[in-house]
Amino acid sequence: MTEKEYLLYKPLGADFALLKGNKADEYGNLTANGSSKSTNLINALAGKTVIAEVDEIVAPGKIDPSDVLVPGILVDYIVQGRKSEEVRAYYTQLWNDLGWLAEEGQA
């Protein structure tokens, strides 16, 4: 029998995990769009305290179970944030006011 050498990777761990989702119910069940879909569950499992910022908080039962990416048992806190359209409008206005956006036709 030949000896084999193996690498052992310790699991990822964090004191806090900050998640971004588009919807959560009052129990913390979380849905997401875009790149958050691939990382939210991994981060939720790694964090001791999990905080989810969502665009919308809905009543229990309003999220289809097949759409839940992070089960509520993993989420400690839910924070209602701004919708992506509101964030985009806010920063567009701010950057316009500061003169950071190039005028149309200029690069």
PDB file of N, CA and C in Angstrom:
ATOM      1  N   MET A   1       0.841  -1.192   0.000  1.00  0.00           N
ATOM      2  CA  MET A   1       0.000   0.000   0.000  1.00  0.00           C
ATOM      3  C   MET A   1       0.879   1.246   0.000  1.00  0.00           C
ATOM      4  N   THR A   2       0.593   2.149  -0.908  1.00  0.00           N
ATOM      5  CA  THR A   2       1.396   3.364  -0.999  1.00  0.00           C
ATOM      6  C   THR A   2       0.769   4.475  -0.173  1.00  0.00           C
ATOM      7  N   GLU A   3       1.629   5.270   0.397  1.00  0.00           N
ATOM      8  CA  GLU A   3       1.140   6.417   1.182  1.00  0.00           C
ATOM      9  C   GLU A   3       0.771   7.558   0.260  1.00  0.00           C
ATOM     10  N   LYS A   4      -0.329   8.234   0.568  1.00  0.00           N
ATOM     11  CA  LYS A   4      -0.755   9.390  -0.205  1.00  0.00           C
ATOM     12  C   LYS A   4      -0.803  10.607   0.703  1.00  0.00           C
ATOM     13  N   GLU A   5      -0.449  11.720   0.125  1.00  0.00           N
ATOM     14  CA  GLU A   5      -0.497  12.971   0.869  1.00  0.00           C
ATOM     15  C   GLU A   5      -1.757  13.734   0.455  1.00  0.00           C
ATOM     16  N   TYR A   6      -2.477  14.240   1.435  1.00  0.00           N
ATOM     17  CA  TYR A   6      -3.726  14.952   1.176  1.00  0.00           C
ATOM     18  C   TYR A   6      -3.666  16.346   1.760  1.00  0.00           C
ATOM     19  N   LEU A   7      -4.419  17.238   1.159  1.00  0.00           N
ATOM     20  CA  LEU A   7      -4.590  18.579   1.703  1.00  0.00           C
ATOM     21  C   LEU A   7      -5.928  18.642   2.410  1.00  0.00           C
ATOM     22  N   LEU A   8      -5.959  19.256   3.569  1.00  0.00           N
ATOM     23  CA  LEU A   8      -7.198  19.432   4.306  1.00  0.00           C
ATOM     24  C   LEU A   8      -7.491  20.920   4.384  1.00  0.00           C
ATOM     25  N   TYR A   9      -8.603  21.317   3.792  1.00  0.00           N
ATOM     26  CA  TYR A   9      -9.015  22.712   3.840  1.00  0.00           C
ATOM     27  C   TYR A   9     -10.061  22.865   4.928  1.00  0.00           C
ATOM     28  N   LYS A  10      -9.780  23.765   5.851  1.00  0.00           N
ATOM     29  CA  LYS A  10     -10.745  24.033   6.911  1.00  0.00           C
ATOM     30  C   LYS A  10     -11.914  24.822   6.338  1.00  0.00           C
ATOM     31  N   PRO A  11     -13.133  24.628   6.896  1.00  0.00           N
ATOM     32  CA  PRO A  11     -14.304  25.335   6.356  1.00  0.00           C
ATOM     33  C   PRO A  11     -14.218  26.840   6.576  1.00  0.00           C
ATOM     34  N   LEU A  12     -14.867  27.551   5.684  1.00  0.00           N
ATOM     35  CA  LEU A  12     -14.950  28.996   5.770  1.00  0.00           C
ATOM     36  C   LEU A  12     -15.751  29.383   7.014  1.00  0.00           C
ATOM     37  N   GLY A  13     -15.303  30.402   7.712  1.00  0.00           N
ATOM     38  CA  GLY A  13     -16.027  30.868   8.891  1.00  0.00           C
ATOM     39  C   GLY A  13     -15.979  32.382   8.971  1.00  0.00           C
ATOM     40  N   ALA A  14     -17.027  32.978   9.498  1.00  0.00           N
ATOM     41  CA  ALA A  14     -17.084  34.435   9.628  1.00  0.00           C
ATOM     42  C   ALA A  14     -17.966  34.795  10.819  1.00  0.00           C
ATOM     43  N   ASP A  15     -17.649  35.903  11.463  1.00  0.00           N
ATOM     44  CA  ASP A  15     -18.500  36.364  12.560  1.00  0.00           C
ATOM     45  C   ASP A  15     -19.837  36.876  12.020  1.00  0.00           C
ATOM     46  N   PHE A  16     -19.774  37.588  10.895  1.00  0.00           N
ATOM     47  CA  PHE A  16     -20.983  38.142  10.285  1.00  0.00           C
ATOM     48  C   PHE A  16     -21.035  37.784   8.809  1.00  0.00           C
ATOM     49  N   ALA A  17     -22.227  37.522   8.327  1.00  0.00           N
ATOM     50  CA  ALA A  17     -22.454  37.332   6.900  1.00  0.00           C
ATOM     51  C   ALA A  17     -23.506  38.345   6.478  1.00  0.00           C
ATOM     52  N   LEU A  18     -23.176  39.155   5.480  1.00  0.00           N
ATOM     53  CA  LEU A  18     -24.092  40.159   4.955  1.00  0.00           C
ATOM     54  C   LEU A  18     -24.600  39.668   3.611  1.00  0.00           C
ATOM     55  N   LEU A  19     -25.903  39.469   3.513  1.00  0.00           N
ATOM     56  CA  LEU A  19     -26.511  38.944   2.299  1.00  0.00           C
ATOM     57  C   LEU A  19     -27.354  40.020   1.636  1.00  0.00           C
ATOM     58  N   LYS A  20     -27.488  39.929   0.315  1.00  0.00           N
ATOM     59  CA  LYS A  20     -28.363  40.832  -0.433  1.00  0.00           C
ATOM     60  C   LYS A  20     -29.381  39.977  -1.168  1.00  0.00           C
ATOM     61  N   GLY A  21     -30.660  40.275  -0.952  1.00  0.00           N
ATOM     62  CA  GLY A  21     -31.715  39.537  -1.626  1.00  0.00           C
ATOM     63  C   GLY A  21     -32.764  40.484  -2.159  1.00  0.00           C
ATOM     64  N   ASN A  22     -33.640  39.953  -2.992  1.00  0.00           N
ATOM     65  CA  ASN A  22     -34.686  40.837  -3.487  1.00  0.00           C
ATOM     66  C   ASN A  22     -35.965  40.711  -2.669  1.00  0.00           C
ATOM     67  N   LYS A  23     -36.160  39.562  -2.010  1.00  0.00           N
ATOM     68  CA  LYS A  23     -37.377  39.376  -1.213  1.00  0.00           C
ATOM     69  C   LYS A  23     -37.085  38.464  -0.033  1.00  0.00           C
ATOM     70  N   ALA A  24     -37.745  38.735   1.082  1.00  0.00           N
ATOM     71  CA  ALA A  24     -37.696  37.849   2.244  1.00  0.00           C
ATOM     72  C   ALA A  24     -39.063  37.874   2.902  1.00  0.00           C
ATOM     73  N   ASP A  25     -39.449  36.750   3.485  1.00  0.00           N
ATOM     74  CA  ASP A  25     -40.677  36.775   4.270  1.00  0.00           C
ATOM     75  C   ASP A  25     -40.305  37.069   5.721  1.00  0.00           C
ATOM     76  N   GLU A  26     -41.307  37.169   6.574  1.00  0.00           N
ATOM     77  CA  GLU A  26     -41.070  37.556   7.963  1.00  0.00           C
ATOM     78  C   GLU A  26     -40.286  36.502   8.746  1.00  0.00           C
ATOM     79  N   TYR A  27     -40.171  35.302   8.202  1.00  0.00           N
ATOM     80  CA  TYR A  27     -39.382  34.244   8.838  1.00  0.00           C
ATOM     81  C   TYR A  27     -37.933  34.227   8.366  1.00  0.00           C
ATOM     82  N   GLY A  28     -37.600  35.055   7.393  1.00  0.00           N
ATOM     83  CA  GLY A  28     -36.229  35.134   6.912  1.00  0.00           C
ATOM     84  C   GLY A  28     -35.931  34.322   5.672  1.00  0.00           C
ATOM     85  N   ASN A  29     -36.922  33.621   5.132  1.00  0.00           N
ATOM     86  CA  ASN A  29     -36.700  32.895   3.883  1.00  0.00           C
ATOM     87  C   ASN A  29     -36.371  33.908   2.796  1.00  0.00           C
ATOM     88  N   LEU A  30     -35.290  33.678   2.073  1.00  0.00           N
ATOM     89  CA  LEU A  30     -34.713  34.696   1.213  1.00  0.00           C
ATOM     90  C   LEU A  30     -34.651  34.252  -0.244  1.00  0.00           C
ATOM     91  N   THR A  31     -35.021  35.169  -1.145  1.00  0.00           N
ATOM     92  CA  THR A  31     -34.829  34.958  -2.580  1.00  0.00           C
ATOM     93  C   THR A  31     -33.841  36.008  -3.066  1.00  0.00           C
ATOM     94  N   ALA A  32     -33.207  35.744  -4.206  1.00  0.00           N
ATOM     95  CA  ALA A  32     -32.221  36.683  -4.741  1.00  0.00           C
ATOM     96  C   ALA A  32     -32.166  36.575  -6.248  1.00  0.00           C
ATOM     97  N   ASN A  33     -31.606  37.603  -6.853  1.00  0.00           N
ATOM     98  CA  ASN A  33     -31.376  37.630  -8.292  1.00  0.00           C
ATOM     99  C   ASN A  33     -29.896  37.857  -8.543  1.00  0.00           C
ATOM    100  N   GLY A  34     -29.451  37.556  -9.737  1.00  0.00           N
ATOM    101  CA  GLY A  34     -28.080  37.854 -10.134  1.00  0.00           C
ATOM    102  C   GLY A  34     -27.043  37.024  -9.402  1.00  0.00           C
ATOM    103  N   SER A  35     -25.892  37.633  -9.179  1.00  0.00           N
ATOM    104  CA  SER A  35     -24.770  36.898  -8.592  1.00  0.00           C
ATOM    105  C   SER A  35     -25.007  36.498  -7.143  1.00  0.00           C
ATOM    106  N   SER A  36     -25.933  37.163  -6.464  1.00  0.00           N
ATOM    107  CA  SER A  36     -26.242  36.797  -5.079  1.00  0.00           C
ATOM    108  C   SER A  36     -26.790  35.381  -4.976  1.00  0.00           C
ATOM    109  N   LYS A  37     -27.373  34.891  -6.063  1.00  0.00           N
ATOM    110  CA  LYS A  37     -27.944  33.546  -6.048  1.00  0.00           C
ATOM    111  C   LYS A  37     -26.880  32.488  -5.766  1.00  0.00           C
ATOM    112  N   SER A  38     -25.672  32.714  -6.226  1.00  0.00           N
ATOM    113  CA  SER A  38     -24.644  31.683  -6.084  1.00  0.00           C
ATOM    114  C   SER A  38     -23.866  31.774  -4.774  1.00  0.00           C
ATOM    115  N   THR A  39     -23.910  32.904  -4.094  1.00  0.00           N
ATOM    116  CA  THR A  39     -23.080  33.062  -2.902  1.00  0.00           C
ATOM    117  C   THR A  39     -23.843  33.186  -1.589  1.00  0.00           C
ATOM    118  N   ASN A  40     -25.117  33.543  -1.640  1.00  0.00           N
ATOM    119  CA  ASN A  40     -25.852  33.797  -0.398  1.00  0.00           C
ATOM    120  C   ASN A  40     -25.905  32.595   0.530  1.00  0.00           C
ATOM    121  N   LEU A  41     -26.185  31.422   0.021  1.00  0.00           N
ATOM    122  CA  LEU A  41     -26.295  30.251   0.885  1.00  0.00           C
ATOM    123  C   LEU A  41     -24.953  29.899   1.517  1.00  0.00           C
ATOM    124  N   ILE A  42     -23.890  29.948   0.733  1.00  0.00           N
ATOM    125  CA  ILE A  42     -22.554  29.642   1.262  1.00  0.00           C
ATOM    126  C   ILE A  42     -22.200  30.610   2.382  1.00  0.00           C
ATOM    127  N   ASN A  43     -22.447  31.900   2.155  1.00  0.00           N
ATOM    128  CA  ASN A  43     -22.144  32.905   3.175  1.00  0.00           C
ATOM    129  C   ASN A  43     -23.026  32.742   4.406  1.00  0.00           C
ATOM    130  N   ALA A  44     -24.291  32.407   4.210  1.00  0.00           N
ATOM    131  CA  ALA A  44     -25.193  32.213   5.352  1.00  0.00           C
ATOM    132  C   ALA A  44     -24.743  31.039   6.208  1.00  0.00           C
ATOM    133  N   LEU A  45     -24.261  29.989   5.571  1.00  0.00           N
ATOM    134  CA  LEU A  45     -23.778  28.832   6.322  1.00  0.00           C
ATOM    135  C   LEU A  45     -22.482  29.135   7.062  1.00  0.00           C
ATOM    136  N   ALA A  46     -21.694  30.065   6.552  1.00  0.00           N
ATOM    137  CA  ALA A  46     -20.404  30.385   7.156  1.00  0.00           C
ATOM    138  C   ALA A  46     -20.516  31.380   8.307  1.00  0.00           C
ATOM    139  N   GLY A  47     -21.554  32.216   8.300  1.00  0.00           N
ATOM    140  CA  GLY A  47     -21.642  33.294   9.279  1.00  0.00           C
ATOM    141  C   GLY A  47     -22.264  32.874  10.595  1.00  0.00           C
ATOM    142  N   LYS A  48     -21.694  33.381  11.682  1.00  0.00           N
ATOM    143  CA  LYS A  48     -22.296  33.156  13.002  1.00  0.00           C
ATOM    144  C   LYS A  48     -23.556  34.001  13.153  1.00  0.00           C
ATOM    145  N   THR A  49     -23.500  35.231  12.654  1.00  0.00           N
ATOM    146  CA  THR A  49     -24.648  36.128  12.640  1.00  0.00           C
ATOM    147  C   THR A  49     -24.907  36.518  11.193  1.00  0.00           C
ATOM    148  N   VAL A  50     -26.132  36.281  10.725  1.00  0.00           N
ATOM    149  CA  VAL A  50     -26.468  36.516   9.317  1.00  0.00           C
ATOM    150  C   VAL A  50     -27.470  37.654   9.215  1.00  0.00           C
ATOM    151  N   ILE A  51     -27.108  38.677   8.431  1.00  0.00           N
ATOM    152  CA  ILE A  51     -27.947  39.846   8.216  1.00  0.00           C
ATOM    153  C   ILE A  51     -28.275  39.918   6.730  1.00  0.00           C
ATOM    154  N   ALA A  52     -29.556  39.968   6.404  1.00  0.00           N
ATOM    155  CA  ALA A  52     -29.987  40.024   5.008  1.00  0.00           C
ATOM    156  C   ALA A  52     -30.639  41.365   4.721  1.00  0.00           C
ATOM    157  N   GLU A  53     -30.125  42.065   3.716  1.00  0.00           N
ATOM    158  CA  GLU A  53     -30.766  43.287   3.236  1.00  0.00           C
ATOM    159  C   GLU A  53     -31.589  42.907   2.019  1.00  0.00           C
ATOM    160  N   VAL A  54     -32.864  43.244   2.044  1.00  0.00           N
ATOM    161  CA  VAL A  54     -33.753  42.876   0.943  1.00  0.00           C
ATOM    162  C   VAL A  54     -34.502  44.097   0.434  1.00  0.00           C
ATOM    163  N   ASP A  55     -34.961  43.994  -0.813  1.00  0.00           N
ATOM    164  CA  ASP A  55     -35.747  45.070  -1.402  1.00  0.00           C
ATOM    165  C   ASP A  55     -37.157  45.106  -0.829  1.00  0.00           C
ATOM    166  N   GLU A  56     -37.670  43.922  -0.467  1.00  0.00           N
ATOM    167  CA  GLU A  56     -39.070  43.833  -0.052  1.00  0.00           C
ATOM    168  C   GLU A  56     -39.240  42.734   0.996  1.00  0.00           C
ATOM    169  N   ILE A  57     -40.002  43.031   2.034  1.00  0.00           N
ATOM    170  CA  ILE A  57     -40.362  42.036   3.043  1.00  0.00           C
ATOM    171  C   ILE A  57     -41.837  41.711   2.839  1.00  0.00           C
ATOM    172  N   VAL A  58     -42.130  40.425   2.670  1.00  0.00           N
ATOM    173  CA  VAL A  58     -43.501  39.997   2.379  1.00  0.00           C
ATOM    174  C   VAL A  58     -44.010  39.096   3.502  1.00  0.00           C
ATOM    175  N   ALA A  59     -45.303  38.844   3.497  1.00  0.00           N
ATOM    176  CA  ALA A  59     -45.926  37.984   4.502  1.00  0.00           C
ATOM    177  C   ALA A  59     -45.523  36.526   4.268  1.00  0.00           C
ATOM    178  N   PRO A  60     -45.520  35.725   5.337  1.00  0.00           N
ATOM    179  CA  PRO A  60     -45.226  34.303   5.170  1.00  0.00           C
ATOM    180  C   PRO A  60     -46.189  33.661   4.177  1.00  0.00           C
ATOM    181  N   GLY A  61     -45.665  32.784   3.332  1.00  0.00           N
ATOM    182  CA  GLY A  61     -46.474  32.106   2.343  1.00  0.00           C
ATOM    183  C   GLY A  61     -46.507  32.807   0.997  1.00  0.00           C
ATOM    184  N   LYS A  62     -45.974  34.028   0.915  1.00  0.00           N
ATOM    185  CA  LYS A  62     -45.978  34.780  -0.339  1.00  0.00           C
ATOM    186  C   LYS A  62     -44.795  34.431  -1.240  1.00  0.00           C
ATOM    187  N   ILE A  63     -43.843  33.685  -0.731  1.00  0.00           N
ATOM    188  CA  ILE A  63     -42.703  33.248  -1.533  1.00  0.00           C
ATOM    189  C   ILE A  63     -42.890  31.774  -1.845  1.00  0.00           C
ATOM    190  N   ASP A  64     -42.808  31.428  -3.117  1.00  0.00           N
ATOM    191  CA  ASP A  64     -42.896  30.033  -3.538  1.00  0.00           C
ATOM    192  C   ASP A  64     -41.708  29.269  -2.943  1.00  0.00           C
ATOM    193  N   PRO A  65     -41.942  28.141  -2.271  1.00  0.00           N
ATOM    194  CA  PRO A  65     -40.851  27.401  -1.646  1.00  0.00           C
ATOM    195  C   PRO A  65     -39.708  27.049  -2.603  1.00  0.00           C
ATOM    196  N   SER A  66     -40.012  26.844  -3.874  1.00  0.00           N
ATOM    197  CA  SER A  66     -38.952  26.506  -4.826  1.00  0.00           C
ATOM    198  C   SER A  66     -38.080  27.718  -5.168  1.00  0.00           C
ATOM    199  N   ASP A  67     -38.503  28.928  -4.798  1.00  0.00           N
ATOM    200  CA  ASP A  67     -37.726  30.139  -5.050  1.00  0.00           C
ATOM    201  C   ASP A  67     -36.817  30.507  -3.880  1.00  0.00           C
ATOM    202  N   VAL A  68     -36.978  29.831  -2.745  1.00  0.00           N
ATOM    203  CA  VAL A  68     -36.179  30.152  -1.555  1.00  0.00           C
ATOM    204  C   VAL A  68     -34.750  29.659  -1.756  1.00  0.00           C
ATOM    205  N   LEU A  69     -33.790  30.590  -1.669  1.00  0.00           N
ATOM    206  CA  LEU A  69     -32.375  30.245  -1.814  1.00  0.00           C
ATOM    207  C   LEU A  69     -31.693  30.066  -0.459  1.00  0.00           C
ATOM    208  N   VAL A  70     -32.150  30.827   0.530  1.00  0.00           N
ATOM    209  CA  VAL A  70     -31.608  30.724   1.888  1.00  0.00           C
ATOM    210  C   VAL A  70     -32.783  30.526   2.826  1.00  0.00           C
ATOM    211  N   PRO A  71     -32.823  29.394   3.538  1.00  0.00           N
ATOM    212  CA  PRO A  71     -33.932  29.168   4.467  1.00  0.00           C
ATOM    213  C   PRO A  71     -33.847  30.106   5.669  1.00  0.00           C
ATOM    214  N   GLY A  72     -34.996  30.479   6.178  1.00  0.00           N
ATOM    215  CA  GLY A  72     -35.081  31.436   7.264  1.00  0.00           C
ATOM    216  C   GLY A  72     -34.346  31.037   8.530  1.00  0.00           C
ATOM    217  N   ILE A  73     -34.154  29.751   8.752  1.00  0.00           N
ATOM    218  CA  ILE A  73     -33.457  29.289   9.962  1.00  0.00           C
ATOM    219  C   ILE A  73     -32.010  29.794  10.014  1.00  0.00           C
ATOM    220  N   LEU A  74     -31.458  30.151   8.849  1.00  0.00           N
ATOM    221  CA  LEU A  74     -30.077  30.630   8.791  1.00  0.00           C
ATOM    222  C   LEU A  74     -29.965  32.146   8.941  1.00  0.00           C
ATOM    223  N   VAL A  75     -31.084  32.870   8.835  1.00  0.00           N
ATOM    224  CA  VAL A  75     -31.058  34.335   8.840  1.00  0.00           C
ATOM    225  C   VAL A  75     -31.429  34.857  10.224  1.00  0.00           C
ATOM    226  N   ASP A  76     -30.560  35.698  10.777  1.00  0.00           N
ATOM    227  CA  ASP A  76     -30.804  36.264  12.105  1.00  0.00           C
ATOM    228  C   ASP A  76     -31.541  37.605  12.049  1.00  0.00           C
ATOM    229  N   TYR A  77     -31.202  38.438  11.068  1.00  0.00           N
ATOM    230  CA  TYR A  77     -31.798  39.768  10.967  1.00  0.00           C
ATOM    231  C   TYR A  77     -32.153  40.065   9.512  1.00  0.00           C
ATOM    232  N   ILE A  78     -33.276  40.771   9.320  1.00  0.00           N
ATOM    233  CA  ILE A  78     -33.689  41.219   7.994  1.00  0.00           C
ATOM    234  C   ILE A  78     -33.755  42.743   8.022  1.00  0.00           C
ATOM    235  N   VAL A  79     -33.176  43.372   7.013  1.00  0.00           N
ATOM    236  CA  VAL A  79     -33.171  44.826   6.897  1.00  0.00           C
ATOM    237  C   VAL A  79     -33.809  45.193   5.565  1.00  0.00           C
ATOM    238  N   GLN A  80     -34.795  46.086   5.603  1.00  0.00           N
ATOM    239  CA  GLN A  80     -35.427  46.562   4.369  1.00  0.00           C
ATOM    240  C   GLN A  80     -34.536  47.625   3.762  1.00  0.00           C
ATOM    241  N   GLY A  81     -34.062  47.377   2.556  1.00  0.00           N
ATOM    242  CA  GLY A  81     -33.216  48.333   1.847  1.00  0.00           C
ATOM    243  C   GLY A  81     -33.979  49.002   0.732  1.00  0.00           C
ATOM    244  N   ARG A  82     -33.259  49.730  -0.067  1.00  0.00           N
ATOM    245  CA  ARG A  82     -33.857  50.374  -1.242  1.00  0.00           C
ATOM    246  C   ARG A  82     -33.860  49.394  -2.404  1.00  0.00           C
ATOM    247  N   LYS A  83     -34.822  49.559  -3.285  1.00  0.00           N
ATOM    248  CA  LYS A  83     -34.857  48.752  -4.498  1.00  0.00           C
ATOM    249  C   LYS A  83     -33.741  49.210  -5.425  1.00  0.00           C
ATOM    250  N   SER A  84     -33.275  48.314  -6.276  1.00  0.00           N
ATOM    251  CA  SER A  84     -32.134  48.632  -7.139  1.00  0.00           C
ATOM    252  C   SER A  84     -32.393  49.856  -8.020  1.00  0.00           C
ATOM    253  N   GLU A  85     -33.640  50.030  -8.453  1.00  0.00           N
ATOM    254  CA  GLU A  85     -33.968  51.208  -9.269  1.00  0.00           C
ATOM    255  C   GLU A  85     -33.795  52.496  -8.455  1.00  0.00           C
ATOM    256  N   GLU A  86     -34.180  52.445  -7.172  1.00  0.00           N
ATOM    257  CA  GLU A  86     -34.037  53.614  -6.303  1.00  0.00           C
ATOM    258  C   GLU A  86     -32.564  53.930  -6.052  1.00  0.00           C
ATOM    259  N   VAL A  87     -31.760  52.884  -5.854  1.00  0.00           N
ATOM    260  CA  VAL A  87     -30.324  53.077  -5.632  1.00  0.00           C
ATOM    261  C   VAL A  87     -29.690  53.687  -6.880  1.00  0.00           C
ATOM    262  N   ARG A  88     -30.030  53.149  -8.043  1.00  0.00           N
ATOM    263  CA  ARG A  88     -29.482  53.659  -9.306  1.00  0.00           C
ATOM    264  C   ARG A  88     -29.867  55.133  -9.498  1.00  0.00           C
ATOM    265  N   ALA A  89     -31.122  55.468  -9.234  1.00  0.00           N
ATOM    266  CA  ALA A  89     -31.567  56.851  -9.386  1.00  0.00           C
ATOM    267  C   ALA A  89     -30.859  57.774  -8.394  1.00  0.00           C
ATOM    268  N   TYR A  90     -30.676  57.307  -7.165  1.00  0.00           N
ATOM    269  CA  TYR A  90     -29.995  58.102  -6.137  1.00  0.00           C
ATOM    270  C   TYR A  90     -28.565  58.432  -6.568  1.00  0.00           C
ATOM    271  N   TYR A  91     -27.813  57.408  -6.985  1.00  0.00           N
ATOM    272  CA  TYR A  91     -26.418  57.642  -7.355  1.00  0.00           C
ATOM    273  C   TYR A  91     -26.284  58.411  -8.664  1.00  0.00           C
ATOM    274  N   THR A  92     -27.194  58.205  -9.594  1.00  0.00           N
ATOM    275  CA  THR A  92     -27.169  58.985 -10.827  1.00  0.00           C
ATOM    276  C   THR A  92     -27.346  60.464 -10.514  1.00  0.00           C
ATOM    277  N   GLN A  93     -28.306  60.769  -9.646  1.00  0.00           N
ATOM    278  CA  GLN A  93     -28.533  62.163  -9.251  1.00  0.00           C
ATOM    279  C   GLN A  93     -27.335  62.722  -8.498  1.00  0.00           C
ATOM    280  N   LEU A  94     -26.794  61.950  -7.557  1.00  0.00           N
ATOM    281  CA  LEU A  94     -25.643  62.402  -6.776  1.00  0.00           C
ATOM    282  C   LEU A  94     -24.449  62.683  -7.675  1.00  0.00           C
ATOM    283  N   TRP A  95     -24.141  61.765  -8.574  1.00  0.00           N
ATOM    284  CA  TRP A  95     -22.989  61.934  -9.458  1.00  0.00           C
ATOM    285  C   TRP A  95     -23.206  63.061 -10.452  1.00  0.00           C
ATOM    286  N   ASN A  96     -24.450  63.282 -10.868  1.00  0.00           N
ATOM    287  CA  ASN A  96     -24.745  64.433 -11.720  1.00  0.00           C
ATOM    288  C   ASN A  96     -24.480  65.728 -10.957  1.00  0.00           C
ATOM    289  N   ASP A  97     -24.968  65.792  -9.717  1.00  0.00           N
ATOM    290  CA  ASP A  97     -24.782  66.990  -8.899  1.00  0.00           C
ATOM    291  C   ASP A  97     -23.305  67.283  -8.652  1.00  0.00           C
ATOM    292  N   LEU A  98     -22.494  66.234  -8.524  1.00  0.00           N
ATOM    293  CA  LEU A  98     -21.064  66.403  -8.279  1.00  0.00           C
ATOM    294  C   LEU A  98     -20.266  66.599  -9.564  1.00  0.00           C
ATOM    295  N   GLY A  99     -20.928  66.436 -10.706  1.00  0.00           N
ATOM    296  CA  GLY A  99     -20.244  66.590 -11.985  1.00  0.00           C
ATOM    297  C   GLY A  99     -19.365  65.403 -12.340  1.00  0.00           C
ATOM    298  N   TRP A 100     -19.652  64.247 -11.766  1.00  0.00           N
ATOM    299  CA  TRP A 100     -18.814  63.066 -12.011  1.00  0.00           C
ATOM    300  C   TRP A 100     -19.229  62.289 -13.256  1.00  0.00           C
ATOM    301  N   LEU A 101     -20.430  62.532 -13.766  1.00  0.00           N
ATOM    302  CA  LEU A 101     -20.886  61.822 -14.951  1.00  0.00           C
ATOM    303  C   LEU A 101     -20.539  62.629 -16.176  1.00  0.00           C
ATOM    304  N   ALA A 102     -20.011  61.917 -17.185  1.00  0.00           N
ATOM    305  CA  ALA A 102     -19.690  62.600 -18.445  1.00  0.00           C
ATOM    306  C   ALA A 102     -20.991  62.985 -19.140  1.00  0.00           C
ATOM    307  N   GLU A 103     -20.988  64.126 -19.779  1.00  0.00           N
ATOM    308  CA  GLU A 103     -22.169  64.544 -20.511  1.00  0.00           C
ATOM    309  C   GLU A 103     -22.344  63.663 -21.716  1.00  0.00           C
ATOM    310  N   GLU A 104     -23.558  63.555 -22.179  1.00  0.00           N
ATOM    311  CA  GLU A 104     -23.874  62.676 -23.293  1.00  0.00           C
ATOM    312  C   GLU A 104     -23.011  63.028 -24.505  1.00  0.00           C
ATOM    313  N   GLY A 105     -22.431  61.987 -25.135  1.00  0.00           N
ATOM    314  CA  GLY A 105     -21.581  62.185 -26.300  1.00  0.00           C
ATOM    315  C   GLY A 105     -20.124  62.336 -25.943  1.00  0.00           C
ATOM    316  N   GLN A 106     -19.804  62.501 -24.642  1.00  0.00           N
ATOM    317  CA  GLN A 106     -18.418  62.596 -24.194  1.00  0.00           C
ATOM    318  C   GLN A 106     -18.041  61.307 -23.487  1.00  0.00           C
ATOM    319  N   ALA A 107     -16.791  60.954 -23.579  1.00  0.00           N
ATOM    320  CA  ALA A 107     -16.320  59.731 -22.907  1.00  0.00           C
ATOM    321  C   ALA A 107     -15.360  60.065 -21.806  1.00  0.00           C
TER     322      ALA A 107
END
